[in-house]
C-alpha cells in the first residue's frame, strides 16, 4: 500500500504540499537575509537545492519519483531549515527551544539517506550478476550505511562548530555535546529501521528507473 493510499492523500495534494513547502523555504531564505543570519541563509539555501533534486533527476536522467517520495525529501529539507529559524521575534531557534526537534529532523533526514542507499544498492544488485545482496542482509546494510553517514555528519557539525568558535563567527550548524551526538545517532538508526521495515516497498519504482539508467549506460 502506498503512502497516499494509507492516509487517503491524493497525488495532487502531495504535489501541492511539496510546492507549498518549497515556496516556504524561499520565505525562510528571505528571513535569513532580512536578519543577516548566515546560518539561516546557508541551511535554507541548501534545503532549496535539495528540493530541486527530484526535478533534476527526472529532467536529466529520466528518473521520475513518486509524489510521496518527493514530499518526503521536501519535508526533510523544510523541517531542518525551519528549525534554524524559530518563531518570529525569538532570538532562539527550534533546535534550541524544542528539545525533540533535533531528534525529529535527524530521524527524518536519515530515512531519506537510507532510501538513497537502498535504491542505489538494490539497483546495482538488479543490474549486474557480480553483486548479490540477500534481502536479509539489506536491513543490516541500511543500518550500517546510515550510521556511517551519521558519524560523518557529526564530524562535520563538530568541525564547523569548532572553527566558528575559534574564529569568533556564528556557526551554521550547532553541536550540543557528546550526549546530543549519541542521541543523534540513535535517531539516525531509527530512521534507517523505519525505511528497512516499511519504506523499501515504496522505492520499487525508483529502483527500476535507476536500473534502467544503469542498463542504458552499460550498453
N, C-alpha and C. Protein backbone atom coordinates (compact mmCIF):
# COMPACT_ATOMS: atom_id res chain seq x y z
N UNK A 1 0.84 -1.20 0.00
CA UNK A 1 0.00 0.00 0.00
C UNK A 1 0.88 1.25 0.00
N UNK A 2 0.58 2.18 -0.89
CA UNK A 2 1.34 3.41 -0.96
C UNK A 2 0.95 4.35 0.17
N UNK A 3 1.83 5.35 0.41
CA UNK A 3 1.58 6.31 1.47
C UNK A 3 0.27 7.05 1.24
N UNK A 4 0.04 7.45 -0.02
CA UNK A 4 -1.17 8.22 -0.30
C UNK A 4 -2.44 7.40 -0.09
N UNK A 5 -2.33 6.08 -0.29
CA UNK A 5 -3.49 5.21 -0.06
C UNK A 5 -3.73 5.00 1.42
N UNK A 6 -2.63 4.85 2.18
CA UNK A 6 -2.76 4.61 3.62
C UNK A 6 -3.40 5.79 4.33
N UNK A 7 -3.01 7.01 3.92
CA UNK A 7 -3.51 8.20 4.60
C UNK A 7 -4.55 8.96 3.77
N UNK A 8 -5.00 8.35 2.67
CA UNK A 8 -6.02 8.96 1.81
C UNK A 8 -5.60 10.34 1.31
N UNK A 9 -4.32 10.46 0.94
CA UNK A 9 -3.80 11.71 0.39
C UNK A 9 -3.64 11.53 -1.12
N UNK A 10 -4.31 12.35 -1.89
CA UNK A 10 -4.26 12.22 -3.34
C UNK A 10 -2.90 12.67 -3.87
N UNK A 11 -2.60 12.24 -5.09
CA UNK A 11 -1.35 12.65 -5.74
C UNK A 11 -1.28 14.16 -5.88
N UNK A 12 -2.41 14.77 -6.26
CA UNK A 12 -2.45 16.23 -6.43
C UNK A 12 -2.15 16.94 -5.12
N UNK A 13 -2.68 16.41 -4.02
CA UNK A 13 -2.44 17.02 -2.71
C UNK A 13 -0.97 16.91 -2.32
N UNK A 14 -0.37 15.76 -2.58
CA UNK A 14 1.05 15.59 -2.27
C UNK A 14 1.90 16.55 -3.09
N UNK A 15 1.57 16.71 -4.36
CA UNK A 15 2.32 17.64 -5.20
C UNK A 15 2.15 19.07 -4.72
N UNK A 16 0.92 19.41 -4.30
CA UNK A 16 0.65 20.75 -3.78
C UNK A 16 1.45 21.01 -2.51
N UNK A 17 1.47 20.03 -1.61
CA UNK A 17 2.22 20.19 -0.36
C UNK A 17 3.71 20.38 -0.64
N UNK A 18 4.24 19.65 -1.60
CA UNK A 18 5.65 19.80 -1.95
C UNK A 18 5.93 21.21 -2.45
N UNK A 19 5.04 21.74 -3.27
CA UNK A 19 5.22 23.10 -3.80
C UNK A 19 5.12 24.14 -2.68
N UNK A 20 4.17 23.94 -1.78
CA UNK A 20 3.99 24.88 -0.67
C UNK A 20 5.24 24.91 0.21
N UNK A 21 5.77 23.73 0.53
CA UNK A 21 6.98 23.66 1.36
C UNK A 21 8.18 24.28 0.64
N UNK A 22 8.26 24.07 -0.67
CA UNK A 22 9.35 24.66 -1.45
C UNK A 22 9.27 26.19 -1.43
N UNK A 23 8.06 26.72 -1.58
CA UNK A 23 7.87 28.17 -1.51
C UNK A 23 8.17 28.69 -0.11
N UNK A 24 7.79 27.92 0.91
CA UNK A 24 8.07 28.31 2.30
C UNK A 24 9.57 28.38 2.54
N UNK A 25 10.33 27.50 1.91
CA UNK A 25 11.79 27.54 2.04
C UNK A 25 12.36 28.83 1.48
N UNK A 26 11.79 29.29 0.38
CA UNK A 26 12.23 30.58 -0.17
C UNK A 26 11.94 31.69 0.83
N UNK A 27 10.79 31.58 1.51
CA UNK A 27 10.46 32.55 2.55
C UNK A 27 11.46 32.51 3.70
N UNK A 28 11.87 31.30 4.10
CA UNK A 28 12.86 31.17 5.18
C UNK A 28 14.20 31.76 4.75
N UNK A 29 14.55 31.57 3.48
CA UNK A 29 15.79 32.15 2.95
C UNK A 29 15.73 33.67 3.03
N UNK A 30 14.55 34.23 2.70
CA UNK A 30 14.37 35.68 2.78
C UNK A 30 14.48 36.17 4.22
N UNK A 31 13.95 35.38 5.16
CA UNK A 31 14.07 35.72 6.58
C UNK A 31 15.54 35.78 6.99
N UNK A 32 16.32 34.82 6.51
CA UNK A 32 17.75 34.81 6.82
C UNK A 32 18.45 36.05 6.31
N UNK A 33 18.08 36.48 5.09
CA UNK A 33 18.68 37.70 4.53
C UNK A 33 18.26 38.92 5.34
N UNK A 34 16.96 38.97 5.71
CA UNK A 34 16.44 40.12 6.48
C UNK A 34 17.12 40.22 7.84
N UNK A 35 17.39 39.08 8.45
CA UNK A 35 18.03 39.07 9.77
C UNK A 35 19.55 39.16 9.68
N UNK A 36 20.08 38.94 8.49
CA UNK A 36 21.52 38.90 8.35
C UNK A 36 22.12 37.69 9.04
N UNK A 37 21.34 36.60 9.08
CA UNK A 37 21.75 35.38 9.78
C UNK A 37 22.32 34.38 8.76
N UNK A 38 23.63 34.19 8.82
CA UNK A 38 24.30 33.31 7.86
C UNK A 38 23.81 31.87 8.00
N UNK A 39 23.56 31.43 9.24
CA UNK A 39 23.10 30.07 9.48
C UNK A 39 21.79 29.78 8.77
N UNK A 40 20.84 30.71 8.88
CA UNK A 40 19.54 30.53 8.22
C UNK A 40 19.71 30.56 6.70
N UNK A 41 20.52 31.48 6.21
CA UNK A 41 20.73 31.61 4.77
C UNK A 41 21.32 30.33 4.19
N UNK A 42 22.37 29.82 4.83
CA UNK A 42 23.04 28.62 4.31
C UNK A 42 22.14 27.40 4.40
N UNK A 43 21.51 27.19 5.56
CA UNK A 43 20.68 25.99 5.75
C UNK A 43 19.45 26.00 4.85
N UNK A 44 18.79 27.15 4.73
CA UNK A 44 17.61 27.22 3.86
C UNK A 44 18.03 27.17 2.39
N UNK A 45 19.19 27.75 2.07
CA UNK A 45 19.69 27.70 0.69
C UNK A 45 20.00 26.28 0.26
N UNK A 46 20.68 25.53 1.12
CA UNK A 46 20.97 24.13 0.82
C UNK A 46 19.68 23.33 0.72
N UNK A 47 18.72 23.62 1.61
CA UNK A 47 17.43 22.92 1.58
C UNK A 47 16.71 23.17 0.26
N UNK A 48 16.77 24.40 -0.25
CA UNK A 48 16.14 24.72 -1.53
C UNK A 48 16.77 23.90 -2.65
N UNK A 49 18.10 23.77 -2.62
CA UNK A 49 18.79 22.97 -3.63
C UNK A 49 18.37 21.50 -3.55
N UNK A 50 18.22 20.99 -2.32
CA UNK A 50 17.81 19.59 -2.14
C UNK A 50 16.43 19.34 -2.74
N UNK A 51 15.53 20.30 -2.58
CA UNK A 51 14.17 20.12 -3.10
C UNK A 51 14.14 20.12 -4.63
N UNK A 52 15.21 20.58 -5.26
CA UNK A 52 15.27 20.57 -6.72
C UNK A 52 15.76 19.24 -7.28
N UNK A 53 16.25 18.36 -6.40
CA UNK A 53 16.80 17.08 -6.86
C UNK A 53 15.79 16.22 -7.61
N UNK A 54 14.54 16.08 -7.12
CA UNK A 54 13.57 15.26 -7.88
C UNK A 54 13.38 15.74 -9.31
N UNK A 55 13.25 17.06 -9.49
CA UNK A 55 13.08 17.61 -10.84
C UNK A 55 14.33 17.39 -11.68
N UNK A 56 15.51 17.52 -11.05
CA UNK A 56 16.77 17.31 -11.75
C UNK A 56 16.92 15.86 -12.21
N UNK A 57 16.55 14.93 -11.34
CA UNK A 57 16.64 13.51 -11.69
C UNK A 57 15.73 13.16 -12.86
N UNK A 58 14.54 13.75 -12.86
CA UNK A 58 13.59 13.45 -13.94
C UNK A 58 14.03 14.10 -15.24
N UNK A 59 14.52 15.34 -15.17
CA UNK A 59 14.91 16.06 -16.38
C UNK A 59 16.17 15.48 -17.04
N UNK A 60 17.18 15.21 -16.22
CA UNK A 60 18.48 14.81 -16.78
C UNK A 60 18.66 13.29 -16.91
N UNK A 61 17.96 12.52 -16.08
CA UNK A 61 18.19 11.08 -16.08
C UNK A 61 16.93 10.25 -16.32
N UNK A 62 15.79 10.92 -16.45
CA UNK A 62 14.56 10.19 -16.70
C UNK A 62 14.07 9.38 -15.51
N UNK A 63 14.51 9.76 -14.30
CA UNK A 63 14.10 9.05 -13.08
C UNK A 63 12.97 9.84 -12.44
N UNK A 64 11.75 9.38 -12.62
CA UNK A 64 10.58 10.07 -12.07
C UNK A 64 10.25 9.53 -10.69
N UNK A 65 10.30 10.39 -9.70
CA UNK A 65 9.99 9.97 -8.34
C UNK A 65 8.49 10.02 -8.08
N UNK A 66 8.02 9.09 -7.28
CA UNK A 66 6.63 9.12 -6.83
C UNK A 66 6.41 10.42 -6.05
N UNK A 67 5.24 11.08 -6.21
CA UNK A 67 4.98 12.32 -5.48
C UNK A 67 5.19 12.19 -3.97
N UNK A 68 4.91 11.01 -3.43
CA UNK A 68 5.11 10.80 -1.99
C UNK A 68 6.59 10.88 -1.64
N UNK A 69 7.46 10.35 -2.50
CA UNK A 69 8.89 10.42 -2.25
C UNK A 69 9.40 11.85 -2.35
N UNK A 70 8.86 12.59 -3.33
CA UNK A 70 9.23 14.00 -3.46
C UNK A 70 8.82 14.78 -2.22
N UNK A 71 7.62 14.51 -1.71
CA UNK A 71 7.15 15.16 -0.49
C UNK A 71 8.01 14.76 0.70
N UNK A 72 8.42 13.53 0.75
CA UNK A 72 9.30 13.01 1.81
C UNK A 72 10.61 13.79 1.84
N UNK A 73 11.24 13.93 0.68
CA UNK A 73 12.51 14.66 0.59
C UNK A 73 12.32 16.13 0.93
N UNK A 74 11.26 16.73 0.38
CA UNK A 74 11.00 18.15 0.62
C UNK A 74 10.72 18.41 2.09
N UNK A 75 9.97 17.52 2.73
CA UNK A 75 9.66 17.69 4.16
C UNK A 75 10.92 17.64 5.01
N UNK A 76 11.82 16.71 4.71
CA UNK A 76 13.06 16.61 5.47
C UNK A 76 13.87 17.89 5.35
N UNK A 77 13.96 18.43 4.13
CA UNK A 77 14.71 19.67 3.91
C UNK A 77 14.03 20.85 4.61
N UNK A 78 12.70 20.91 4.52
CA UNK A 78 11.96 22.03 5.10
C UNK A 78 12.07 22.06 6.62
N UNK A 79 11.84 20.94 7.27
CA UNK A 79 11.83 20.94 8.74
C UNK A 79 13.22 21.22 9.31
N UNK A 80 14.27 20.79 8.59
CA UNK A 80 15.61 21.14 9.05
C UNK A 80 15.82 22.65 8.97
N UNK A 81 15.46 23.25 7.82
CA UNK A 81 15.64 24.69 7.65
C UNK A 81 14.77 25.47 8.62
N UNK A 82 13.53 25.03 8.82
CA UNK A 82 12.62 25.70 9.75
C UNK A 82 13.21 25.71 11.16
N UNK A 83 13.88 24.64 11.52
CA UNK A 83 14.47 24.56 12.85
C UNK A 83 15.53 25.60 13.12
N UNK A 84 16.16 26.11 12.06
CA UNK A 84 17.20 27.13 12.25
C UNK A 84 16.62 28.53 12.38
N UNK A 85 15.31 28.67 12.12
CA UNK A 85 14.68 29.99 12.14
C UNK A 85 13.99 30.27 13.47
N UNK A 86 13.08 29.38 13.88
CA UNK A 86 12.35 29.61 15.12
C UNK A 86 11.16 30.52 14.92
N UNK A 87 10.55 30.94 16.00
CA UNK A 87 9.38 31.80 15.95
C UNK A 87 9.77 33.25 15.68
N UNK A 88 8.91 34.01 15.00
CA UNK A 88 9.19 35.43 14.76
C UNK A 88 9.37 36.18 16.08
N UNK A 89 10.40 36.98 16.16
CA UNK A 89 10.67 37.76 17.36
C UNK A 89 11.50 37.05 18.40
N UNK A 90 11.72 35.75 18.20
CA UNK A 90 12.52 34.98 19.16
C UNK A 90 13.98 34.98 18.73
N UNK A 91 14.88 35.09 19.70
CA UNK A 91 16.30 35.06 19.40
C UNK A 91 16.83 33.63 19.30
N UNK A 92 16.04 32.65 19.75
CA UNK A 92 16.46 31.25 19.71
C UNK A 92 15.65 30.50 18.66
N UNK A 93 16.27 29.50 18.04
CA UNK A 93 15.57 28.71 17.04
C UNK A 93 14.99 27.44 17.65
N UNK A 94 14.28 26.68 16.83
CA UNK A 94 13.60 25.48 17.33
C UNK A 94 14.58 24.42 17.81
N UNK A 95 15.77 24.38 17.26
CA UNK A 95 16.76 23.41 17.71
C UNK A 95 17.15 23.66 19.17
N UNK A 96 16.97 24.90 19.61
CA UNK A 96 17.31 25.26 20.99
C UNK A 96 16.09 25.19 21.90
N UNK A 97 14.94 25.67 21.41
CA UNK A 97 13.76 25.80 22.26
C UNK A 97 12.89 24.55 22.33
N UNK A 98 12.97 23.69 21.33
CA UNK A 98 12.16 22.46 21.31
C UNK A 98 13.09 21.27 21.44
N UNK A 99 13.05 20.55 22.53
CA UNK A 99 14.05 19.53 22.84
C UNK A 99 14.08 18.39 21.83
N UNK A 100 12.91 18.09 21.24
CA UNK A 100 12.85 16.94 20.34
C UNK A 100 13.08 17.29 18.88
N UNK A 101 13.22 18.57 18.56
CA UNK A 101 13.31 18.98 17.15
C UNK A 101 14.52 18.36 16.45
N UNK A 102 15.66 18.40 17.11
CA UNK A 102 16.89 17.84 16.53
C UNK A 102 16.74 16.35 16.27
N UNK A 103 16.11 15.64 17.22
CA UNK A 103 15.91 14.20 17.06
C UNK A 103 14.95 13.91 15.91
N UNK A 104 13.89 14.70 15.82
CA UNK A 104 12.90 14.53 14.76
C UNK A 104 13.53 14.73 13.38
N UNK A 105 14.29 15.81 13.21
CA UNK A 105 14.89 16.08 11.91
C UNK A 105 15.97 15.06 11.56
N UNK A 106 16.68 14.56 12.57
CA UNK A 106 17.69 13.54 12.31
C UNK A 106 17.03 12.25 11.82
N UNK A 107 15.95 11.85 12.46
CA UNK A 107 15.25 10.63 12.04
C UNK A 107 14.69 10.79 10.63
N UNK A 108 14.12 11.96 10.35
CA UNK A 108 13.53 12.21 9.03
C UNK A 108 14.61 12.25 7.95
N UNK A 109 15.69 12.98 8.22
CA UNK A 109 16.76 13.09 7.24
C UNK A 109 17.46 11.75 7.02
N UNK A 110 17.67 11.01 8.10
CA UNK A 110 18.34 9.71 7.97
C UNK A 110 17.49 8.72 7.19
N UNK A 111 16.17 8.86 7.26
CA UNK A 111 15.31 7.99 6.48
C UNK A 111 15.49 8.26 4.98
N UNK A 112 15.72 9.52 4.63
CA UNK A 112 16.00 9.86 3.23
C UNK A 112 17.34 9.28 2.80
N UNK A 113 18.35 9.39 3.67
CA UNK A 113 19.66 8.82 3.39
C UNK A 113 19.55 7.30 3.19
N UNK A 114 18.77 6.66 4.06
CA UNK A 114 18.56 5.21 3.94
C UNK A 114 17.88 4.86 2.62
N UNK A 115 16.93 5.68 2.21
CA UNK A 115 16.23 5.44 0.95
C UNK A 115 17.19 5.54 -0.24
N UNK A 116 18.08 6.53 -0.19
CA UNK A 116 19.08 6.69 -1.25
C UNK A 116 20.01 5.48 -1.28
N UNK A 117 20.47 5.06 -0.10
CA UNK A 117 21.35 3.90 -0.03
C UNK A 117 20.69 2.64 -0.54
N UNK A 118 19.44 2.42 -0.14
CA UNK A 118 18.70 1.23 -0.58
C UNK A 118 18.51 1.24 -2.09
N UNK A 119 18.06 2.38 -2.62
CA UNK A 119 17.80 2.48 -4.05
C UNK A 119 19.05 2.19 -4.87
N UNK A 120 20.17 2.78 -4.46
CA UNK A 120 21.42 2.61 -5.20
C UNK A 120 21.89 1.16 -5.19
N UNK A 121 21.93 0.57 -4.00
CA UNK A 121 22.45 -0.80 -3.87
C UNK A 121 21.51 -1.81 -4.52
N UNK A 122 20.21 -1.64 -4.34
CA UNK A 122 19.27 -2.58 -4.95
C UNK A 122 19.31 -2.49 -6.47
N UNK A 123 19.46 -1.28 -7.01
CA UNK A 123 19.56 -1.12 -8.46
C UNK A 123 20.82 -1.79 -8.99
N UNK A 124 21.93 -1.65 -8.27
CA UNK A 124 23.17 -2.33 -8.67
C UNK A 124 23.02 -3.84 -8.58
N UNK A 125 22.31 -4.29 -7.56
CA UNK A 125 22.07 -5.72 -7.37
C UNK A 125 21.28 -6.30 -8.55
N UNK A 126 20.29 -5.53 -9.01
CA UNK A 126 19.46 -5.99 -10.13
C UNK A 126 20.19 -5.84 -11.46
N UNK A 127 21.11 -4.87 -11.52
CA UNK A 127 21.78 -4.55 -12.78
C UNK A 127 22.85 -5.55 -13.17
N UNK A 128 23.60 -6.05 -12.21
CA UNK A 128 24.73 -6.93 -12.52
C UNK A 128 24.70 -8.20 -11.67
N UNK A 129 25.14 -9.28 -12.27
CA UNK A 129 25.21 -10.56 -11.56
C UNK A 129 26.42 -10.61 -10.63
N UNK A 130 27.34 -9.66 -10.78
CA UNK A 130 28.55 -9.65 -9.95
C UNK A 130 28.26 -9.20 -8.52
N UNK A 131 27.11 -8.56 -8.33
CA UNK A 131 26.70 -8.11 -7.00
C UNK A 131 25.44 -8.86 -6.60
N UNK A 132 25.49 -9.49 -5.45
CA UNK A 132 24.33 -10.22 -4.95
C UNK A 132 24.16 -9.92 -3.46
N UNK A 133 23.08 -9.26 -3.13
CA UNK A 133 22.83 -8.86 -1.75
C UNK A 133 21.55 -9.54 -1.27
N UNK A 134 21.65 -10.50 -0.36
CA UNK A 134 20.45 -11.15 0.18
C UNK A 134 19.53 -10.14 0.85
N UNK A 135 18.25 -10.37 0.75
CA UNK A 135 17.28 -9.44 1.34
C UNK A 135 17.48 -9.28 2.84
N UNK A 136 17.86 -10.38 3.50
CA UNK A 136 18.05 -10.31 4.95
C UNK A 136 19.24 -9.43 5.32
N UNK A 137 20.23 -9.34 4.42
CA UNK A 137 21.40 -8.51 4.70
C UNK A 137 21.11 -7.04 4.45
N UNK A 138 20.09 -6.74 3.63
CA UNK A 138 19.79 -5.36 3.29
C UNK A 138 19.47 -4.53 4.53
N UNK A 139 18.78 -5.15 5.50
CA UNK A 139 18.46 -4.45 6.75
C UNK A 139 19.75 -4.01 7.43
N UNK A 140 20.71 -4.93 7.52
CA UNK A 140 21.99 -4.62 8.17
C UNK A 140 22.73 -3.55 7.38
N UNK A 141 22.71 -3.67 6.05
CA UNK A 141 23.40 -2.69 5.21
C UNK A 141 22.84 -1.29 5.43
N UNK A 142 21.51 -1.16 5.42
CA UNK A 142 20.90 0.15 5.60
C UNK A 142 21.29 0.76 6.93
N UNK A 143 21.29 -0.05 7.97
CA UNK A 143 21.64 0.45 9.29
C UNK A 143 23.09 0.93 9.31
N UNK A 144 24.00 0.12 8.77
CA UNK A 144 25.41 0.49 8.75
C UNK A 144 25.66 1.70 7.85
N UNK A 145 24.97 1.76 6.72
CA UNK A 145 25.13 2.88 5.80
C UNK A 145 24.72 4.19 6.45
N UNK A 146 23.56 4.18 7.09
CA UNK A 146 23.06 5.40 7.74
C UNK A 146 23.93 5.78 8.93
N UNK A 147 24.36 4.81 9.71
CA UNK A 147 25.20 5.12 10.86
C UNK A 147 26.54 5.71 10.42
N UNK A 148 27.10 5.18 9.33
CA UNK A 148 28.35 5.72 8.81
C UNK A 148 28.16 7.16 8.34
N UNK A 149 27.04 7.41 7.65
CA UNK A 149 26.75 8.77 7.21
C UNK A 149 26.51 9.68 8.41
N UNK A 150 25.83 9.14 9.44
CA UNK A 150 25.56 9.92 10.64
C UNK A 150 26.83 10.33 11.35
N UNK A 151 27.79 9.42 11.45
CA UNK A 151 29.08 9.74 12.07
C UNK A 151 29.79 10.82 11.25
N UNK A 152 29.76 10.66 9.93
CA UNK A 152 30.38 11.66 9.05
C UNK A 152 29.74 13.03 9.26
N UNK A 153 28.42 13.06 9.38
CA UNK A 153 27.71 14.33 9.59
C UNK A 153 28.08 14.93 10.94
N UNK A 154 28.19 14.12 11.97
CA UNK A 154 28.55 14.64 13.29
C UNK A 154 29.96 15.23 13.27
N UNK A 155 30.87 14.62 12.51
CA UNK A 155 32.22 15.17 12.37
C UNK A 155 32.16 16.54 11.70
N UNK A 156 31.30 16.66 10.68
CA UNK A 156 31.13 17.96 10.01
C UNK A 156 30.60 18.99 10.99
N UNK A 157 29.56 18.63 11.76
CA UNK A 157 29.00 19.54 12.75
C UNK A 157 30.05 19.99 13.75
N UNK A 158 30.82 19.03 14.25
CA UNK A 158 31.86 19.33 15.24
C UNK A 158 32.92 20.26 14.64
N UNK A 159 33.33 19.99 13.41
CA UNK A 159 34.37 20.79 12.77
C UNK A 159 33.89 22.22 12.53
N UNK A 160 32.64 22.36 12.07
CA UNK A 160 32.09 23.69 11.81
C UNK A 160 31.94 24.47 13.11
N UNK A 161 31.43 23.81 14.15
CA UNK A 161 31.27 24.47 15.45
C UNK A 161 32.62 24.90 16.01
N UNK A 162 33.61 24.03 15.92
CA UNK A 162 34.95 24.33 16.44
C UNK A 162 35.59 25.48 15.67
N UNK A 163 35.44 25.46 14.35
CA UNK A 163 36.00 26.52 13.52
C UNK A 163 35.34 27.86 13.81
N UNK A 164 34.01 27.85 13.94
CA UNK A 164 33.28 29.09 14.24
C UNK A 164 33.70 29.65 15.59
N UNK A 165 33.87 28.76 16.57
CA UNK A 165 34.29 29.20 17.90
C UNK A 165 35.70 29.79 17.87
N UNK A 166 36.59 29.17 17.10
CA UNK A 166 37.98 29.63 17.04
C UNK A 166 38.11 30.97 16.32
N UNK A 167 37.23 31.20 15.33
CA UNK A 167 37.31 32.43 14.55
C UNK A 167 36.38 33.53 15.06
N UNK A 168 35.54 33.19 16.05
CA UNK A 168 34.63 34.17 16.61
C UNK A 168 33.43 34.46 15.73
N UNK A 169 33.11 33.55 14.82
CA UNK A 169 31.96 33.72 13.93
C UNK A 169 30.78 32.87 14.39
N UNK A 170 29.60 33.20 13.88
CA UNK A 170 28.42 32.39 14.17
C UNK A 170 28.51 31.08 13.41
N UNK A 171 28.06 30.00 14.04
CA UNK A 171 28.10 28.70 13.39
C UNK A 171 26.82 28.43 12.62
N UNK A 172 26.94 27.74 11.49
CA UNK A 172 25.75 27.41 10.70
C UNK A 172 25.15 26.08 11.12
N UNK A 173 25.93 25.27 11.84
CA UNK A 173 25.46 24.02 12.42
C UNK A 173 25.92 23.97 13.87
N UNK A 174 25.07 23.49 14.75
CA UNK A 174 25.39 23.51 16.17
C UNK A 174 25.44 22.10 16.73
N UNK A 175 26.47 21.84 17.53
CA UNK A 175 26.57 20.58 18.24
C UNK A 175 26.47 20.88 19.73
N UNK A 176 25.60 20.14 20.43
CA UNK A 176 25.30 20.45 21.82
C UNK A 176 26.04 19.57 22.81
N UNK A 177 26.98 18.76 22.35
CA UNK A 177 27.75 17.94 23.28
C UNK A 177 27.70 16.47 22.92
N UNK A 178 28.45 15.67 23.69
CA UNK A 178 28.58 14.24 23.40
C UNK A 178 27.24 13.50 23.52
N UNK A 179 26.47 13.83 24.56
CA UNK A 179 25.18 13.14 24.74
C UNK A 179 24.25 13.44 23.57
N UNK A 180 24.30 14.68 23.06
CA UNK A 180 23.49 15.05 21.90
C UNK A 180 23.92 14.26 20.67
N UNK A 181 25.23 14.09 20.52
CA UNK A 181 25.75 13.32 19.39
C UNK A 181 25.27 11.87 19.44
N UNK A 182 25.32 11.28 20.62
CA UNK A 182 24.89 9.89 20.77
C UNK A 182 23.39 9.75 20.47
N UNK A 183 22.60 10.71 20.94
CA UNK A 183 21.16 10.67 20.67
C UNK A 183 20.88 10.87 19.18
N UNK A 184 21.66 11.74 18.55
CA UNK A 184 21.51 11.94 17.11
C UNK A 184 21.70 10.62 16.36
N UNK A 185 22.72 9.87 16.75
CA UNK A 185 22.99 8.60 16.09
C UNK A 185 21.89 7.58 16.36
N UNK A 186 21.32 7.63 17.56
CA UNK A 186 20.21 6.73 17.89
C UNK A 186 19.02 7.02 16.97
N UNK A 187 18.71 8.30 16.80
CA UNK A 187 17.57 8.65 15.94
C UNK A 187 17.89 8.46 14.46
N UNK A 188 19.17 8.55 14.10
CA UNK A 188 19.57 8.17 12.75
C UNK A 188 19.24 6.70 12.51
N UNK A 189 19.55 5.88 13.49
CA UNK A 189 19.28 4.44 13.39
C UNK A 189 17.78 4.18 13.30
N UNK A 190 16.99 4.95 14.05
CA UNK A 190 15.53 4.79 14.00
C UNK A 190 15.01 5.08 12.59
N UNK A 191 15.53 6.15 11.97
CA UNK A 191 15.13 6.48 10.60
C UNK A 191 15.47 5.37 9.64
N UNK A 192 16.65 4.76 9.81
CA UNK A 192 17.07 3.66 8.94
C UNK A 192 16.17 2.44 9.13
N UNK A 193 15.83 2.15 10.38
CA UNK A 193 14.99 0.99 10.68
C UNK A 193 13.59 1.16 10.08
N UNK A 194 13.06 2.38 10.17
CA UNK A 194 11.74 2.65 9.59
C UNK A 194 11.73 2.36 8.09
N UNK A 195 12.78 2.82 7.40
CA UNK A 195 12.87 2.57 5.96
C UNK A 195 13.05 1.09 5.68
N UNK A 196 13.90 0.43 6.46
CA UNK A 196 14.16 -1.00 6.24
C UNK A 196 12.90 -1.84 6.41
N UNK A 197 12.04 -1.46 7.35
CA UNK A 197 10.84 -2.24 7.64
C UNK A 197 9.68 -1.88 6.73
N UNK A 198 9.44 -0.57 6.57
CA UNK A 198 8.24 -0.15 5.85
C UNK A 198 8.50 0.59 4.54
N UNK A 199 9.67 1.16 4.38
CA UNK A 199 9.89 2.05 3.25
C UNK A 199 10.30 1.42 1.96
N UNK A 200 10.96 0.25 2.01
CA UNK A 200 11.52 -0.32 0.79
C UNK A 200 10.46 -0.66 -0.26
N UNK A 201 9.27 -1.01 0.18
CA UNK A 201 8.20 -1.35 -0.76
C UNK A 201 7.80 -0.15 -1.62
N UNK A 202 7.99 1.05 -1.08
CA UNK A 202 7.61 2.26 -1.81
C UNK A 202 8.71 2.74 -2.75
N UNK A 203 9.87 2.07 -2.72
CA UNK A 203 11.00 2.51 -3.54
C UNK A 203 11.20 1.63 -4.77
N UNK A 204 10.33 0.67 -4.99
CA UNK A 204 10.47 -0.26 -6.11
C UNK A 204 10.52 0.45 -7.45
N UNK A 205 9.64 1.43 -7.64
CA UNK A 205 9.61 2.16 -8.90
C UNK A 205 10.90 2.91 -9.16
N UNK A 206 11.44 3.55 -8.13
CA UNK A 206 12.69 4.30 -8.28
C UNK A 206 13.84 3.36 -8.60
N UNK A 207 13.86 2.21 -7.92
CA UNK A 207 14.90 1.20 -8.19
C UNK A 207 14.86 0.79 -9.66
N UNK A 208 13.66 0.59 -10.19
CA UNK A 208 13.51 0.21 -11.58
C UNK A 208 14.05 1.27 -12.53
N UNK A 209 13.78 2.56 -12.22
CA UNK A 209 14.28 3.65 -13.05
C UNK A 209 15.81 3.70 -13.04
N UNK A 210 16.39 3.56 -11.84
CA UNK A 210 17.85 3.61 -11.72
C UNK A 210 18.49 2.42 -12.44
N UNK A 211 17.87 1.25 -12.31
CA UNK A 211 18.38 0.07 -13.01
C UNK A 211 18.35 0.28 -14.52
N UNK A 212 17.27 0.86 -15.02
CA UNK A 212 17.16 1.13 -16.46
C UNK A 212 18.24 2.10 -16.91
N UNK A 213 18.51 3.10 -16.06
CA UNK A 213 19.57 4.06 -16.38
C UNK A 213 20.93 3.37 -16.45
N UNK A 214 21.20 2.50 -15.50
CA UNK A 214 22.47 1.76 -15.49
C UNK A 214 22.58 0.86 -16.72
N UNK A 215 21.46 0.24 -17.10
CA UNK A 215 21.47 -0.63 -18.28
C UNK A 215 21.77 0.16 -19.55
N UNK A 216 21.19 1.36 -19.66
CA UNK A 216 21.43 2.19 -20.85
C UNK A 216 22.89 2.63 -20.92
N UNK A 217 23.45 2.99 -19.77
CA UNK A 217 24.83 3.47 -19.76
C UNK A 217 25.84 2.35 -20.02
N UNK A 218 25.46 1.11 -19.71
CA UNK A 218 26.39 0.00 -19.90
C UNK A 218 26.34 -0.59 -21.31
N UNK A 219 25.37 -0.15 -22.10
CA UNK A 219 25.23 -0.68 -23.46
C UNK A 219 26.21 0.01 -24.43
